[in-house]
Amino acid sequence: MRLSESQRNSATVSAVLPCYVGWIAKDATSPYNSNETISMPIYTSPTRESIVTCLDVPCGGQHMTWVQSGAALLLQQH
């Protein structure tokens, strides 16, 4: 799985599939190539006032495209 662009007529915010997050040691080898991931910020709300953390997300080698787009993850309570 990796990031993909929304369609032009898509909503501003898109839901992502459920995912599982795990911790790895800082000195451990990353499961991803560094040029194929983006460190995506996770915010508590759409206002982006409070950042929770960043998560390395596969992006298919289009790192700068996602950085320039301002891509981020937002937490939502159910």
PDB file of N, CA and C in Angstrom:
ATOM      1  N   MET A   1       0.837  -1.168   0.000  1.00  0.00           N
ATOM      2  CA  MET A   1       0.000   0.000   0.000  1.00  0.00           C
ATOM      3  C   MET A   1       0.889   1.242   0.000  1.00  0.00           C
ATOM      4  N   ARG A   2       0.440   2.280  -0.687  1.00  0.00           N
ATOM      5  CA  ARG A   2       1.159   3.548  -0.683  1.00  0.00           C
ATOM      6  C   ARG A   2       0.186   4.675  -0.957  1.00  0.00           C
ATOM      7  N   LEU A   3       0.636   5.893  -0.778  1.00  0.00           N
ATOM      8  CA  LEU A   3      -0.205   7.051  -1.037  1.00  0.00           C
ATOM      9  C   LEU A   3      -0.586   7.113  -2.508  1.00  0.00           C
ATOM     10  N   SER A   4      -1.759   7.627  -2.776  1.00  0.00           N
ATOM     11  CA  SER A   4      -2.180   7.868  -4.151  1.00  0.00           C
ATOM     12  C   SER A   4      -3.030   9.137  -4.172  1.00  0.00           C
ATOM     13  N   GLU A   5      -3.008   9.816  -5.296  1.00  0.00           N
ATOM     14  CA  GLU A   5      -3.732  11.072  -5.415  1.00  0.00           C
ATOM     15  C   GLU A   5      -5.231  10.850  -5.450  1.00  0.00           C
ATOM     16  N   SER A   6      -5.952  11.827  -4.892  1.00  0.00           N
ATOM     17  CA  SER A   6      -7.406  11.835  -4.993  1.00  0.00           C
ATOM     18  C   SER A   6      -7.792  12.364  -6.368  1.00  0.00           C
ATOM     19  N   GLN A   7      -9.017  12.123  -6.751  1.00  0.00           N
ATOM     20  CA  GLN A   7      -9.529  12.663  -8.008  1.00  0.00           C
ATOM     21  C   GLN A   7      -9.816  14.154  -7.838  1.00  0.00           C
ATOM     22  N   ARG A   8      -9.842  14.888  -8.916  1.00  0.00           N
ATOM     23  CA  ARG A   8     -10.085  16.338  -8.863  1.00  0.00           C
ATOM     24  C   ARG A   8     -11.401  16.696  -8.182  1.00  0.00           C
ATOM     25  N   ASN A   9     -12.413  15.846  -8.338  1.00  0.00           N
ATOM     26  CA  ASN A   9     -13.717  16.147  -7.747  1.00  0.00           C
ATOM     27  C   ASN A   9     -13.905  15.501  -6.372  1.00  0.00           C
ATOM     28  N   SER A  10     -12.847  14.971  -5.784  1.00  0.00           N
ATOM     29  CA  SER A  10     -12.909  14.345  -4.466  1.00  0.00           C
ATOM     30  C   SER A  10     -13.010  15.399  -3.374  1.00  0.00           C
ATOM     31  N   ALA A  11     -13.468  14.973  -2.222  1.00  0.00           N
ATOM     32  CA  ALA A  11     -13.530  15.857  -1.061  1.00  0.00           C
ATOM     33  C   ALA A  11     -12.127  16.278  -0.653  1.00  0.00           C
ATOM     34  N   THR A  12     -12.029  17.383   0.077  1.00  0.00           N
ATOM     35  CA  THR A  12     -10.737  17.891   0.531  1.00  0.00           C
ATOM     36  C   THR A  12     -10.042  16.901   1.451  1.00  0.00           C
ATOM     37  N   VAL A  13     -10.820  16.210   2.272  1.00  0.00           N
ATOM     38  CA  VAL A  13     -10.286  15.228   3.210  1.00  0.00           C
ATOM     39  C   VAL A  13     -10.779  13.850   2.785  1.00  0.00           C
ATOM     40  N   SER A  14      -9.869  12.892   2.709  1.00  0.00           N
ATOM     41  CA  SER A  14     -10.221  11.527   2.321  1.00  0.00           C
ATOM     42  C   SER A  14      -9.909  10.574   3.462  1.00  0.00           C
ATOM     43  N   ALA A  15     -10.776   9.610   3.672  1.00  0.00           N
ATOM     44  CA  ALA A  15     -10.544   8.591   4.698  1.00  0.00           C
ATOM     45  C   ALA A  15      -9.505   7.596   4.196  1.00  0.00           C
ATOM     46  N   VAL A  16      -8.725   7.071   5.108  1.00  0.00           N
ATOM     47  CA  VAL A  16      -7.757   6.030   4.764  1.00  0.00           C
ATOM     48  C   VAL A  16      -8.230   4.717   5.371  1.00  0.00           C
ATOM     49  N   LEU A  17      -7.760   3.639   4.797  1.00  0.00           N
ATOM     50  CA  LEU A  17      -8.093   2.326   5.342  1.00  0.00           C
ATOM     51  C   LEU A  17      -7.482   2.174   6.730  1.00  0.00           C
ATOM     52  N   PRO A  18      -8.067   1.346   7.581  1.00  0.00           N
ATOM     53  CA  PRO A  18      -7.452   1.107   8.883  1.00  0.00           C
ATOM     54  C   PRO A  18      -6.018   0.612   8.703  1.00  0.00           C
ATOM     55  N   CYS A  19      -5.146   1.043   9.588  1.00  0.00           N
ATOM     56  CA  CYS A  19      -3.757   0.610   9.513  1.00  0.00           C
ATOM     57  C   CYS A  19      -3.254   0.256  10.906  1.00  0.00           C
ATOM     58  N   TYR A  20      -2.193  -0.497  10.919  1.00  0.00           N
ATOM     59  CA  TYR A  20      -1.554  -0.889  12.173  1.00  0.00           C
ATOM     60  C   TYR A  20      -0.189  -0.246  12.222  1.00  0.00           C
ATOM     61  N   VAL A  21       0.156   0.279  13.360  1.00  0.00           N
ATOM     62  CA  VAL A  21       1.420   0.981  13.539  1.00  0.00           C
ATOM     63  C   VAL A  21       2.241   0.232  14.575  1.00  0.00           C
ATOM     64  N   GLY A  22       3.516   0.089  14.299  1.00  0.00           N
ATOM     65  CA  GLY A  22       4.405  -0.590  15.238  1.00  0.00           C
ATOM     66  C   GLY A  22       5.657   0.240  15.468  1.00  0.00           C
ATOM     67  N   TRP A  23       6.273   0.028  16.576  1.00  0.00           N
ATOM     68  CA  TRP A  23       7.512   0.733  16.915  1.00  0.00           C
ATOM     69  C   TRP A  23       8.696  -0.132  16.509  1.00  0.00           C
ATOM     70  N   ILE A  24       9.711   0.505  15.963  1.00  0.00           N
ATOM     71  CA  ILE A  24      10.966  -0.185  15.690  1.00  0.00           C
ATOM     72  C   ILE A  24      12.083   0.616  16.341  1.00  0.00           C
ATOM     73  N   ALA A  25      13.132  -0.053  16.718  1.00  0.00           N
ATOM     74  CA  ALA A  25      14.267   0.619  17.360  1.00  0.00           C
ATOM     75  C   ALA A  25      14.915   1.608  16.390  1.00  0.00           C
ATOM     76  N   LYS A  26      15.442   2.710  16.924  1.00  0.00           N
ATOM     77  CA  LYS A  26      16.086   3.721  16.078  1.00  0.00           C
ATOM     78  C   LYS A  26      17.247   3.147  15.279  1.00  0.00           C
ATOM     79  N   ASP A  27      17.946   2.171  15.836  1.00  0.00           N
ATOM     80  CA  ASP A  27      19.101   1.601  15.135  1.00  0.00           C
ATOM     81  C   ASP A  27      18.727   0.423  14.224  1.00  0.00           C
ATOM     82  N   ALA A  28      17.437   0.096  14.155  1.00  0.00           N
ATOM     83  CA  ALA A  28      16.981  -0.998  13.286  1.00  0.00           C
ATOM     84  C   ALA A  28      16.920  -0.524  11.838  1.00  0.00           C
ATOM     85  N   THR A  29      17.092  -1.437  10.922  1.00  0.00           N
ATOM     86  CA  THR A  29      16.984  -1.127   9.502  1.00  0.00           C
ATOM     87  C   THR A  29      15.520  -0.874   9.157  1.00  0.00           C
ATOM     88  N   SER A  30      15.262   0.197   8.429  1.00  0.00           N
ATOM     89  CA  SER A  30      13.899   0.530   8.035  1.00  0.00           C
ATOM     90  C   SER A  30      13.370  -0.492   7.033  1.00  0.00           C
ATOM     91  N   PRO A  31      12.093  -0.832   7.128  1.00  0.00           N
ATOM     92  CA  PRO A  31      11.526  -1.764   6.148  1.00  0.00           C
ATOM     93  C   PRO A  31      11.317  -1.113   4.775  1.00  0.00           C
ATOM     94  N   TYR A  32      11.465   0.200   4.698  1.00  0.00           N
ATOM     95  CA  TYR A  32      11.263   0.934   3.449  1.00  0.00           C
ATOM     96  C   TYR A  32      12.535   1.640   3.021  1.00  0.00           C
ATOM     97  N   ASN A  33      12.686   1.847   1.741  1.00  0.00           N
ATOM     98  CA  ASN A  33      13.752   2.675   1.205  1.00  0.00           C
ATOM     99  C   ASN A  33      13.470   4.123   1.594  1.00  0.00           C
ATOM    100  N   SER A  34      14.452   4.878   2.050  1.00  0.00           N
ATOM    101  CA  SER A  34      14.205   6.242   2.509  1.00  0.00           C
ATOM    102  C   SER A  34      13.679   7.153   1.401  1.00  0.00           C
ATOM    103  N   ASN A  35      14.002   6.875   0.135  1.00  0.00           N
ATOM    104  CA  ASN A  35      13.506   7.724  -0.952  1.00  0.00           C
ATOM    105  C   ASN A  35      12.110   7.301  -1.419  1.00  0.00           C
ATOM    106  N   GLU A  36      11.521   6.294  -0.784  1.00  0.00           N
ATOM    107  CA  GLU A  36      10.183   5.838  -1.147  1.00  0.00           C
ATOM    108  C   GLU A  36       9.153   6.104  -0.057  1.00  0.00           C
ATOM    109  N   THR A  37       9.544   6.880   0.974  1.00  0.00           N
ATOM    110  CA  THR A  37       8.617   7.196   2.055  1.00  0.00           C
ATOM    111  C   THR A  37       8.595   8.697   2.319  1.00  0.00           C
ATOM    112  N   ILE A  38       7.543   9.129   2.974  1.00  0.00           N
ATOM    113  CA  ILE A  38       7.445  10.505   3.440  1.00  0.00           C
ATOM    114  C   ILE A  38       7.120  10.442   4.928  1.00  0.00           C
ATOM    115  N   SER A  39       7.740  11.303   5.695  1.00  0.00           N
ATOM    116  CA  SER A  39       7.432  11.402   7.114  1.00  0.00           C
ATOM    117  C   SER A  39       6.203  12.305   7.226  1.00  0.00           C
ATOM    118  N   MET A  40       5.042  11.685   7.352  1.00  0.00           N
ATOM    119  CA  MET A  40       3.787  12.422   7.314  1.00  0.00           C
ATOM    120  C   MET A  40       3.341  12.801   8.725  1.00  0.00           C
ATOM    121  N   PRO A  41       3.043  14.083   8.955  1.00  0.00           N
ATOM    122  CA  PRO A  41       2.580  14.506  10.279  1.00  0.00           C
ATOM    123  C   PRO A  41       1.168  14.006  10.558  1.00  0.00           C
ATOM    124  N   ILE A  42       0.908  13.717  11.817  1.00  0.00           N
ATOM    125  CA  ILE A  42      -0.428  13.333  12.272  1.00  0.00           C
ATOM    126  C   ILE A  42      -0.897  14.421  13.237  1.00  0.00           C
ATOM    127  N   TYR A  43      -2.011  15.055  12.895  1.00  0.00           N
ATOM    128  CA  TYR A  43      -2.558  16.142  13.707  1.00  0.00           C
ATOM    129  C   TYR A  43      -3.827  15.689  14.419  1.00  0.00           C
ATOM    130  N   THR A  44      -4.183  16.404  15.489  1.00  0.00           N
ATOM    131  CA  THR A  44      -5.387  16.074  16.244  1.00  0.00           C
ATOM    132  C   THR A  44      -6.650  16.623  15.598  1.00  0.00           C
ATOM    133  N   SER A  45      -6.519  17.592  14.686  1.00  0.00           N
ATOM    134  CA  SER A  45      -7.696  18.184  14.051  1.00  0.00           C
ATOM    135  C   SER A  45      -7.314  18.809  12.714  1.00  0.00           C
ATOM    136  N   PRO A  46      -8.308  19.144  11.898  1.00  0.00           N
ATOM    137  CA  PRO A  46      -8.031  19.769  10.599  1.00  0.00           C
ATOM    138  C   PRO A  46      -7.357  21.139  10.691  1.00  0.00           C
ATOM    139  N   THR A  47      -7.423  21.785  11.848  1.00  0.00           N
ATOM    140  CA  THR A  47      -6.761  23.087  11.999  1.00  0.00           C
ATOM    141  C   THR A  47      -5.244  22.960  12.118  1.00  0.00           C
ATOM    142  N   ARG A  48      -4.765  21.742  12.315  1.00  0.00           N
ATOM    143  CA  ARG A  48      -3.333  21.423  12.409  1.00  0.00           C
ATOM    144  C   ARG A  48      -2.624  22.208  13.521  1.00  0.00           C
ATOM    145  N   GLU A  49      -3.355  22.480  14.586  1.00  0.00           N
ATOM    146  CA  GLU A  49      -2.778  23.226  15.707  1.00  0.00           C
ATOM    147  C   GLU A  49      -1.901  22.353  16.596  1.00  0.00           C
ATOM    148  N   SER A  50      -2.213  21.079  16.681  1.00  0.00           N
ATOM    149  CA  SER A  50      -1.484  20.201  17.591  1.00  0.00           C
ATOM    150  C   SER A  50      -1.059  18.930  16.866  1.00  0.00           C
ATOM    151  N   ILE A  51       0.257  18.743  16.755  1.00  0.00           N
ATOM    152  CA  ILE A  51       0.790  17.556  16.087  1.00  0.00           C
ATOM    153  C   ILE A  51       0.981  16.448  17.119  1.00  0.00           C
ATOM    154  N   VAL A  52       0.610  15.246  16.740  1.00  0.00           N
ATOM    155  CA  VAL A  52       0.766  14.092  17.625  1.00  0.00           C
ATOM    156  C   VAL A  52       2.140  13.466  17.404  1.00  0.00           C
ATOM    157  N   THR A  53       2.446  13.162  16.165  1.00  0.00           N
ATOM    158  CA  THR A  53       3.716  12.547  15.792  1.00  0.00           C
ATOM    159  C   THR A  53       3.826  12.556  14.275  1.00  0.00           C
ATOM    160  N   CYS A  54       4.849  11.935  13.759  1.00  0.00           N
ATOM    161  CA  CYS A  54       4.995  11.733  12.312  1.00  0.00           C
ATOM    162  C   CYS A  54       5.099  10.237  12.053  1.00  0.00           C
ATOM    163  N   LEU A  55       4.625   9.822  10.903  1.00  0.00           N
ATOM    164  CA  LEU A  55       4.600   8.418  10.537  1.00  0.00           C
ATOM    165  C   LEU A  55       5.201   8.271   9.152  1.00  0.00           C
ATOM    166  N   ASP A  56       6.180   7.376   9.000  1.00  0.00           N
ATOM    167  CA  ASP A  56       6.759   7.119   7.675  1.00  0.00           C
ATOM    168  C   ASP A  56       5.756   6.336   6.845  1.00  0.00           C
ATOM    169  N   VAL A  57       5.351   6.913   5.721  1.00  0.00           N
ATOM    170  CA  VAL A  57       4.323   6.331   4.861  1.00  0.00           C
ATOM    171  C   VAL A  57       4.905   6.109   3.470  1.00  0.00           C
ATOM    172  N   PRO A  58       4.735   4.918   2.898  1.00  0.00           N
ATOM    173  CA  PRO A  58       5.214   4.686   1.529  1.00  0.00           C
ATOM    174  C   PRO A  58       4.531   5.652   0.551  1.00  0.00           C
ATOM    175  N   CYS A  59       5.312   6.228  -0.339  1.00  0.00           N
ATOM    176  CA  CYS A  59       4.754   7.208  -1.285  1.00  0.00           C
ATOM    177  C   CYS A  59       5.160   6.916  -2.723  1.00  0.00           C
ATOM    178  N   GLY A  60       5.795   5.804  -2.988  1.00  0.00           N
ATOM    179  CA  GLY A  60       6.140   5.441  -4.353  1.00  0.00           C
ATOM    180  C   GLY A  60       7.219   6.300  -4.980  1.00  0.00           C
ATOM    181  N   GLY A  61       8.085   6.903  -4.169  1.00  0.00           N
ATOM    182  CA  GLY A  61       9.193   7.688  -4.698  1.00  0.00           C
ATOM    183  C   GLY A  61       8.837   9.094  -5.109  1.00  0.00           C
ATOM    184  N   GLN A  62       7.629   9.563  -4.800  1.00  0.00           N
ATOM    185  CA  GLN A  62       7.214  10.917  -5.163  1.00  0.00           C
ATOM    186  C   GLN A  62       7.237  11.821  -3.932  1.00  0.00           C
ATOM    187  N   HIS A  63       8.305  11.763  -3.197  1.00  0.00           N
ATOM    188  CA  HIS A  63       8.440  12.458  -1.923  1.00  0.00           C
ATOM    189  C   HIS A  63       8.085  13.943  -2.011  1.00  0.00           C
ATOM    190  N   MET A  64       8.701  14.667  -2.920  1.00  0.00           N
ATOM    191  CA  MET A  64       8.486  16.121  -2.994  1.00  0.00           C
ATOM    192  C   MET A  64       7.058  16.478  -3.410  1.00  0.00           C
ATOM    193  N   THR A  65       6.418  15.645  -4.196  1.00  0.00           N
ATOM    194  CA  THR A  65       5.022  15.898  -4.573  1.00  0.00           C
ATOM    195  C   THR A  65       4.148  15.957  -3.336  1.00  0.00           C
ATOM    196  N   TRP A  66       4.355  15.024  -2.417  1.00  0.00           N
ATOM    197  CA  TRP A  66       3.542  14.977  -1.197  1.00  0.00           C
ATOM    198  C   TRP A  66       3.918  16.081  -0.230  1.00  0.00           C
ATOM    199  N   VAL A  67       5.188  16.427  -0.141  1.00  0.00           N
ATOM    200  CA  VAL A  67       5.615  17.524   0.730  1.00  0.00           C
ATOM    201  C   VAL A  67       4.974  18.825   0.248  1.00  0.00           C
ATOM    202  N   GLN A  68       5.044  19.093  -1.054  1.00  0.00           N
ATOM    203  CA  GLN A  68       4.498  20.329  -1.615  1.00  0.00           C
ATOM    204  C   GLN A  68       2.977  20.392  -1.505  1.00  0.00           C
ATOM    205  N   SER A  69       2.325  19.246  -1.509  1.00  0.00           N
ATOM    206  CA  SER A  69       0.860  19.245  -1.421  1.00  0.00           C
ATOM    207  C   SER A  69       0.366  19.496   0.006  1.00  0.00           C
ATOM    208  N   GLY A  70       1.257  19.376   0.993  1.00  0.00           N
ATOM    209  CA  GLY A  70       0.853  19.569   2.383  1.00  0.00           C
ATOM    210  C   GLY A  70       0.103  18.371   2.946  1.00  0.00           C
ATOM    211  N   ALA A  71       0.350  17.204   2.399  1.00  0.00           N
ATOM    212  CA  ALA A  71      -0.343  15.991   2.849  1.00  0.00           C
ATOM    213  C   ALA A  71      -0.101  15.750   4.334  1.00  0.00           C
ATOM    214  N   ALA A  72      -1.150  15.356   5.035  1.00  0.00           N
ATOM    215  CA  ALA A  72      -1.064  15.073   6.467  1.00  0.00           C
ATOM    216  C   ALA A  72      -2.173  14.100   6.831  1.00  0.00           C
ATOM    217  N   LEU A  73      -2.019  13.480   7.987  1.00  0.00           N
ATOM    218  CA  LEU A  73      -3.051  12.600   8.528  1.00  0.00           C
ATOM    219  C   LEU A  73      -3.732  13.314   9.682  1.00  0.00           C
ATOM    220  N   LEU A  74      -5.036  13.113   9.804  1.00  0.00           N
ATOM    221  CA  LEU A  74      -5.811  13.723  10.884  1.00  0.00           C
ATOM    222  C   LEU A  74      -6.487  12.633  11.699  1.00  0.00           C
ATOM    223  N   LEU A  75      -6.438  12.766  13.007  1.00  0.00           N
ATOM    224  CA  LEU A  75      -7.119  11.812  13.868  1.00  0.00           C
ATOM    225  C   LEU A  75      -8.601  12.139  13.943  1.00  0.00           C
ATOM    226  N   GLN A  76      -9.423  11.103  14.038  1.00  0.00           N
ATOM    227  CA  GLN A  76     -10.860  11.298  14.150  1.00  0.00           C
ATOM    228  C   GLN A  76     -11.397  10.329  15.174  1.00  0.00           C
ATOM    229  N   GLN A  77     -12.241  10.824  16.067  1.00  0.00           N
ATOM    230  CA  GLN A  77     -12.864   9.958  17.050  1.00  0.00           C
ATOM    231  C   GLN A  77     -14.114   9.341  16.466  1.00  0.00           C
ATOM    232  N   HIS A  78     -14.340   8.086  16.793  1.00  0.00           N
ATOM    233  CA  HIS A  78     -15.560   7.410  16.338  1.00  0.00           C
ATOM    234  C   HIS A  78     -16.493   7.228  17.497  1.00  0.00           C
TER     235      HIS A  78
END
